[in-house]
C-alpha atoms as a PDB file:
ATOM      1  CA  UNK A   1       0.000   0.000   0.000  1.00  0.00           C
ATOM      2  CA  UNK A   2       1.176   3.298  -0.864  1.00  0.00           C
ATOM      3  CA  UNK A   3       1.192   6.291   1.353  1.00  0.00           C
ATOM      4  CA  UNK A   4      -1.611   7.771  -0.626  1.00  0.00           C
ATOM      5  CA  UNK A   5      -3.744   4.662  -0.148  1.00  0.00           C
ATOM      6  CA  UNK A   6      -3.009   4.686   3.553  1.00  0.00           C
ATOM      7  CA  UNK A   7      -4.073   8.306   3.844  1.00  0.00           C
ATOM      8  CA  UNK A   8      -7.314   7.598   1.969  1.00  0.00           C
ATOM      9  CA  UNK A   9      -8.003   4.620   4.172  1.00  0.00           C
ATOM     10  CA  UNK A  10      -7.429   6.697   7.313  1.00  0.00           C
ATOM     11  CA  UNK A  11      -9.708   9.408   5.954  1.00  0.00           C
ATOM     12  CA  UNK A  12     -12.348   6.771   5.146  1.00  0.00           C
ATOM     13  CA  UNK A  13     -12.080   5.336   8.635  1.00  0.00           C
ATOM     14  CA  UNK A  14     -12.480   8.796  10.082  1.00  0.00           C
ATOM     15  CA  UNK A  15     -15.470   9.321   7.846  1.00  0.00           C
ATOM     16  CA  UNK A  16     -16.891   6.013   8.915  1.00  0.00           C
ATOM     17  CA  UNK A  17     -16.295   6.724  12.601  1.00  0.00           C
ATOM     18  CA  UNK A  18     -17.610  10.221  12.346  1.00  0.00           C
ATOM     19  CA  UNK A  19     -21.132   9.265  11.267  1.00  0.00           C
ATOM     20  CA  UNK A  20     -21.364   6.670  14.043  1.00  0.00           C
ATOM     21  CA  UNK A  21     -20.430   9.204  16.780  1.00  0.00           C
ATOM     22  CA  UNK A  22     -22.667  11.873  15.401  1.00  0.00           C
ATOM     23  CA  UNK A  23     -26.032  10.140  16.098  1.00  0.00           C
ATOM     24  CA  UNK A  24     -24.938   9.359  19.650  1.00  0.00           C
ATOM     25  CA  UNK A  25     -23.910  12.930  20.273  1.00  0.00           C
ATOM     26  CA  UNK A  26     -27.120  14.178  18.697  1.00  0.00           C
ATOM     27  CA  UNK A  27     -29.100  11.877  20.976  1.00  0.00           C
ATOM     28  CA  UNK A  28     -27.249  13.206  23.993  1.00  0.00           C
ATOM     29  CA  UNK A  29     -27.905  16.781  22.880  1.00  0.00           C
ATOM     30  CA  UNK A  30     -31.591  15.942  22.345  1.00  0.00           C
ATOM     31  CA  UNK A  31     -31.789  14.300  25.773  1.00  0.00           C
ATOM     32  CA  UNK A  32     -30.149  17.325  27.368  1.00  0.00           C
ATOM     33  CA  UNK A  33     -32.646  19.639  25.638  1.00  0.00           C
ATOM     34  CA  UNK A  34     -35.532  17.459  26.830  1.00  0.00           C
ATOM     35  CA  UNK A  35     -34.171  17.405  30.396  1.00  0.00           C
ATOM     36  CA  UNK A  36     -33.670  21.179  30.342  1.00  0.00           C
ATOM     37  CA  UNK A  37     -37.204  21.714  29.034  1.00  0.00           C
ATOM     38  CA  UNK A  38     -38.582  19.357  31.686  1.00  0.00           C
ATOM     39  CA  UNK A  39     -36.625  21.146  34.431  1.00  0.00           C
ATOM     40  CA  UNK A  40     -37.889  24.507  33.178  1.00  0.00           C
ATOM     41  CA  UNK A  41     -41.461  23.184  33.148  1.00  0.00           C
ATOM     42  CA  UNK A  42     -41.054  21.801  36.688  1.00  0.00           C
ATOM     43  CA  UNK A  43     -39.666  25.148  37.897  1.00  0.00           C
ATOM     44  CA  UNK A  44     -42.542  26.993  36.213  1.00  0.00           C
ATOM     45  CA  UNK A  45     -45.156  24.672  37.713  1.00  0.00           C
ATOM     46  CA  UNK A  46     -43.516  24.901  41.141  1.00  0.00           C
ATOM     47  CA  UNK A  47     -43.652  28.694  40.935  1.00  0.00           C
ATOM     48  CA  UNK A  48     -47.338  28.534  39.957  1.00  0.00           C
ATOM     49  CA  UNK A  49     -48.097  26.166  42.857  1.00  0.00           C
ATOM     50  CA  UNK A  50     -46.283  28.493  45.289  1.00  0.00           C
ATOM     51  CA  UNK A  51     -48.237  31.484  43.947  1.00  0.00           C
ATOM     52  CA  UNK A  52     -51.549  29.622  44.254  1.00  0.00           C
ATOM     53  CA  UNK A  53     -50.688  28.509  47.803  1.00  0.00           C
ATOM     54  CA  UNK A  54     -49.891  32.114  48.696  1.00  0.00           C
ATOM     55  CA  UNK A  55     -53.146  33.328  47.104  1.00  0.00           C
ATOM     56  CA  UNK A  56     -55.080  30.662  49.000  1.00  0.00           C
ATOM     57  CA  UNK A  57     -53.436  31.620  52.308  1.00  0.00           C
ATOM     58  CA  UNK A  58     -54.277  35.290  51.731  1.00  0.00           C
ATOM     59  CA  UNK A  59     -57.882  34.513  50.816  1.00  0.00           C
ATOM     60  CA  UNK A  60     -58.216  32.293  53.893  1.00  0.00           C
ATOM     61  CA  UNK A  61     -56.735  35.003  56.136  1.00  0.00           C
ATOM     62  CA  UNK A  62     -59.080  37.613  54.618  1.00  0.00           C
ATOM     63  CA  UNK A  63     -62.044  35.323  55.235  1.00  0.00           C
ATOM     64  CA  UNK A  64     -61.013  34.710  58.853  1.00  0.00           C
ATOM     65  CA  UNK A  65     -60.515  38.450  59.450  1.00  0.00           C
ATOM     66  CA  UNK A  66     -63.925  39.232  57.966  1.00  0.00           C
ATOM     67  CA  UNK A  67     -65.509  36.520  60.100  1.00  0.00           C
ATOM     68  CA  UNK A  68     -63.913  37.961  63.255  1.00  0.00           C
ATOM     69  CA  UNK A  69     -64.934  41.515  62.324  1.00  0.00           C
ATOM     70  CA  UNK A  70     -68.533  40.529  61.582  1.00  0.00           C
ATOM     71  CA  UNK A  71     -68.744  38.527  64.819  1.00  0.00           C
ATOM     72  CA  UNK A  72     -67.422  41.514  66.780  1.00  0.00           C
ATOM     73  CA  UNK A  73     -69.870  43.867  65.057  1.00  0.00           C
ATOM     74  CA  UNK A  74     -72.775  41.495  65.765  1.00  0.00           C
ATOM     75  CA  UNK A  75     -71.742  41.193  69.426  1.00  0.00           C
ATOM     76  CA  UNK A  76     -71.504  44.977  69.764  1.00  0.00           C
ATOM     77  CA  UNK A  77     -74.857  45.446  68.059  1.00  0.00           C
ATOM     78  CA  UNK A  78     -76.404  42.958  70.469  1.00  0.00           C
ATOM     79  CA  UNK A  79     -74.609  44.424  73.493  1.00  0.00           C
ATOM     80  CA  UNK A  80     -75.585  48.041  72.766  1.00  0.00           C
ATOM     81  CA  UNK A  81     -78.980  47.488  71.093  1.00  0.00           C
ATOM     82  CA  UNK A  82     -80.734  49.379  73.895  1.00  0.00           C
ATOM     83  CA  UNK A  83     -78.687  52.570  73.441  1.00  0.00           C
ATOM     84  CA  UNK A  84     -81.221  54.561  71.403  1.00  0.00           C
ATOM     85  CA  UNK A  85     -84.130  53.521  73.615  1.00  0.00           C
ATOM     86  CA  UNK A  86     -82.189  54.414  76.737  1.00  0.00           C
ATOM     87  CA  UNK A  87     -81.329  57.851  75.355  1.00  0.00           C
ATOM     88  CA  UNK A  88     -85.058  58.409  74.738  1.00  0.00           C
ATOM     89  CA  UNK A  89     -85.999  57.253  78.235  1.00  0.00           C
ATOM     90  CA  UNK A  90     -83.404  59.236  80.218  1.00  0.00           C
ATOM     91  CA  UNK A  91     -85.216  62.612  79.960  1.00  0.00           C
ATOM     92  CA  UNK A  92     -88.392  60.882  81.192  1.00  0.00           C
ATOM     93  CA  UNK A  93     -86.472  59.456  84.161  1.00  0.00           C
ATOM     94  CA  UNK A  94     -85.052  62.933  84.928  1.00  0.00           C
ATOM     95  CA  UNK A  95     -88.487  64.572  84.756  1.00  0.00           C
ATOM     96  CA  UNK A  96     -90.032  61.906  86.990  1.00  0.00           C
ATOM     97  CA  UNK A  97     -87.237  62.383  89.551  1.00  0.00           C
ATOM     98  CA  UNK A  98     -87.811  66.146  89.576  1.00  0.00           C
ATOM     99  CA  UNK A  99     -91.566  65.650  89.941  1.00  0.00           C
ATOM    100  CA  UNK A 100     -91.043  63.273  92.860  1.00  0.00           C
ATOM    101  CA  UNK A 101     -88.788  65.801  94.615  1.00  0.00           C
ATOM    102  CA  UNK A 102     -91.667  68.279  94.907  1.00  0.00           C
ATOM    103  CA  UNK A 103     -92.919  68.407  98.501  1.00  0.00           C
ATOM    104  CA  UNK A 104     -96.637  68.567  99.160  1.00  0.00           C
ATOM    105  CA  UNK A 105     -99.006  67.801 101.996  1.00  0.00           C
ATOM    106  CA  UNK A 106    -102.154  67.345  99.967  1.00  0.00           C
ATOM    107  CA  UNK A 107    -103.417  63.761 100.464  1.00  0.00           C
ATOM    108  CA  UNK A 108    -104.754  63.440  96.906  1.00  0.00           C
ATOM    109  CA  UNK A 109    -101.383  64.467  95.476  1.00  0.00           C
ATOM    110  CA  UNK A 110     -99.518  62.133  97.872  1.00  0.00           C
ATOM    111  CA  UNK A 111    -101.469  59.166  96.477  1.00  0.00           C
ATOM    112  CA  UNK A 112    -100.385  60.144  92.961  1.00  0.00           C
ATOM    113  CA  UNK A 113     -96.811  60.555  94.188  1.00  0.00           C
ATOM    114  CA  UNK A 114     -96.826  56.975  95.498  1.00  0.00           C
ATOM    115  CA  UNK A 115     -98.031  55.734  92.117  1.00  0.00           C
ATOM    116  CA  UNK A 116     -95.375  57.748  90.295  1.00  0.00           C
ATOM    117  CA  UNK A 117     -92.716  56.402  92.685  1.00  0.00           C
ATOM    118  CA  UNK A 118     -93.726  52.864  91.775  1.00  0.00           C
ATOM    119  CA  UNK A 119     -93.563  53.678  88.049  1.00  0.00           C
ATOM    120  CA  UNK A 120     -90.208  55.430  88.536  1.00  0.00           C
ATOM    121  CA  UNK A 121     -88.732  52.411  90.350  1.00  0.00           C
ATOM    122  CA  UNK A 122     -90.067  50.078  87.681  1.00  0.00           C
ATOM    123  CA  UNK A 123     -88.526  52.241  84.945  1.00  0.00           C
ATOM    124  CA  UNK A 124     -85.174  52.262  86.767  1.00  0.00           C
ATOM    125  CA  UNK A 125     -85.419  48.482  87.126  1.00  0.00           C
ATOM    126  CA  UNK A 126     -85.927  48.059  83.358  1.00  0.00           C
ATOM    127  CA  UNK A 127     -82.952  50.324  82.654  1.00  0.00           C
ATOM    128  CA  UNK A 128     -80.837  48.364  85.142  1.00  0.00           C
ATOM    129  CA  UNK A 129     -81.746  45.036  83.493  1.00  0.00           C
ATOM    130  CA  UNK A 130     -80.524  46.413  80.155  1.00  0.00           C
ATOM    131  CA  UNK A 131     -77.221  47.513  81.695  1.00  0.00           C
ATOM    132  CA  UNK A 132     -77.910  51.227  82.173  1.00  0.00           C
ATOM    133  CA  UNK A 133     -76.211  52.465  85.347  1.00  0.00           C
ATOM    134  CA  UNK A 134     -76.138  55.892  86.940  1.00  0.00           C
ATOM    135  CA  UNK A 135     -72.713  57.533  87.147  1.00  0.00           C
ATOM    136  CA  UNK A 136     -71.962  58.158  90.813  1.00  0.00           C
ATOM    137  CA  UNK A 137     -70.528  61.673  90.955  1.00  0.00           C
ATOM    138  CA  UNK A 138     -71.522  63.636  94.050  1.00  0.00           C
ATOM    139  CA  UNK A 139     -68.694  63.909  96.592  1.00  0.00           C
ATOM    140  CA  UNK A 140     -66.285  62.103  94.241  1.00  0.00           C
ATOM    141  CA  UNK A 141     -63.217  63.509  92.481  1.00  0.00           C
ATOM    142  CA  UNK A 142     -63.984  65.040  89.101  1.00  0.00           C
ATOM    143  CA  UNK A 143     -63.469  62.531  86.248  1.00  0.00           C
ATOM    144  CA  UNK A 144     -63.331  64.147  82.822  1.00  0.00           C
ATOM    145  CA  UNK A 145     -64.172  60.785  81.188  1.00  0.00           C
ATOM    146  CA  UNK A 146     -67.621  60.497  82.785  1.00  0.00           C
ATOM    147  CA  UNK A 147     -68.408  64.046  83.899  1.00  0.00           C
ATOM    148  CA  UNK A 148     -68.739  67.476  82.396  1.00  0.00           C
ATOM    149  CA  UNK A 149     -68.061  70.474  84.642  1.00  0.00           C
ATOM    150  CA  UNK A 150     -70.525  73.308  84.126  1.00  0.00           C
ATOM    151  CA  UNK A 151     -69.559  75.421  87.106  1.00  0.00           C
ATOM    152  CA  UNK A 152     -66.786  75.880  89.643  1.00  0.00           C
ATOM    153  CA  UNK A 153     -67.387  77.122  93.142  1.00  0.00           C
ATOM    154  CA  UNK A 154     -65.172  77.952  96.100  1.00  0.00           C
ATOM    155  CA  UNK A 155     -66.064  75.694  99.027  1.00  0.00           C
ATOM    156  CA  UNK A 156     -64.393  75.594 102.414  1.00  0.00           C
ATOM    157  CA  UNK A 157     -63.298  72.270 103.781  1.00  0.00           C
ATOM    158  CA  UNK A 158     -63.450  70.632 100.349  1.00  0.00           C
ATOM    159  CA  UNK A 159     -60.326  69.944  98.352  1.00  0.00           C
ATOM    160  CA  UNK A 160     -60.015  71.199  94.789  1.00  0.00           C
ATOM    161  CA  UNK A 161     -61.475  69.055  92.003  1.00  0.00           C
ATOM    162  CA  UNK A 162     -64.248  67.440  94.035  1.00  0.00           C
ATOM    163  CA  UNK A 163     -67.827  67.313  92.749  1.00  0.00           C
ATOM    164  CA  UNK A 164     -70.025  69.539  94.894  1.00  0.00           C
ATOM    165  CA  UNK A 165     -73.339  69.011  93.171  1.00  0.00           C
ATOM    166  CA  UNK A 166     -74.788  66.979  90.317  1.00  0.00           C
ATOM    167  CA  UNK A 167     -76.843  69.222  88.054  1.00  0.00           C
ATOM    168  CA  UNK A 168     -77.909  66.404  85.722  1.00  0.00           C
ATOM    169  CA  UNK A 169     -77.317  62.713  86.312  1.00  0.00           C
ATOM    170  CA  UNK A 170     -75.050  60.854  83.929  1.00  0.00           C
ATOM    171  CA  UNK A 171     -75.599  57.289  82.753  1.00  0.00           C
ATOM    172  CA  UNK A 172     -73.535  54.482  81.271  1.00  0.00           C
ATOM    173  CA  UNK A 173     -74.683  51.565  79.138  1.00  0.00           C
ATOM    174  CA  UNK A 174     -72.446  48.688  80.155  1.00  0.00           C
ATOM    175  CA  UNK A 175     -68.980  50.169  79.491  1.00  0.00           C
ATOM    176  CA  UNK A 176     -69.997  53.108  77.275  1.00  0.00           C
ATOM    177  CA  UNK A 177     -71.174  56.521  78.341  1.00  0.00           C
ATOM    178  CA  UNK A 178     -74.727  57.332  77.340  1.00  0.00           C
ATOM    179  CA  UNK A 179     -74.688  60.772  78.860  1.00  0.00           C
ATOM    180  CA  UNK A 180     -72.000  62.431  81.002  1.00  0.00           C
ATOM    181  CA  UNK A 181     -72.953  63.776  84.413  1.00  0.00           C
ATOM    182  CA  UNK A 182     -73.234  67.581  84.472  1.00  0.00           C
ATOM    183  CA  UNK A 183     -71.618  68.743  87.706  1.00  0.00           C
ATOM    184  CA  UNK A 184     -70.479  71.676  89.829  1.00  0.00           C
ATOM    185  CA  UNK A 185     -66.834  71.301  90.903  1.00  0.00           C
ATOM    186  CA  UNK A 186     -64.874  72.847  93.768  1.00  0.00           C
ATOM    187  CA  UNK A 187     -62.004  75.184  92.907  1.00  0.00           C
END
């Protein structure tokens, strides 16, 4: 064999080997592309699942917060349902108290007074059952949360800031103020 024949044979062998390696390499490249695409799809789906889980958690939290808020509102509505009625009844209670403070010796009027006293006590009992309480103010230190000072007066033997007189009774409904007590305070 001549050198030329040897070179041609080597080139042919290379050509023969080359096509055999090429399909294997192409397969590997195809497999790598498929694996990369699969990994990308898995990453994309994982991101979507994480987003949906986050959205679900937010929606659940919003629902729970709304449930708590509505429960609290319903409880407050139930607890303070008597507020408007009580505000309407308080002037009647005040007027009855003033009428009962009138002194008289007429027997006919005294019989009416006894009847009004019974009605007054019954009205106070109804208010008490609903949670309406009178604010105790006379002789107590002035409390700006439950009282409103209308006047100040110099009084001997009384320390400053004490309630001397209640001009209009104040009332609370459970833990809320319906009407502050109007008072005269010592200087």
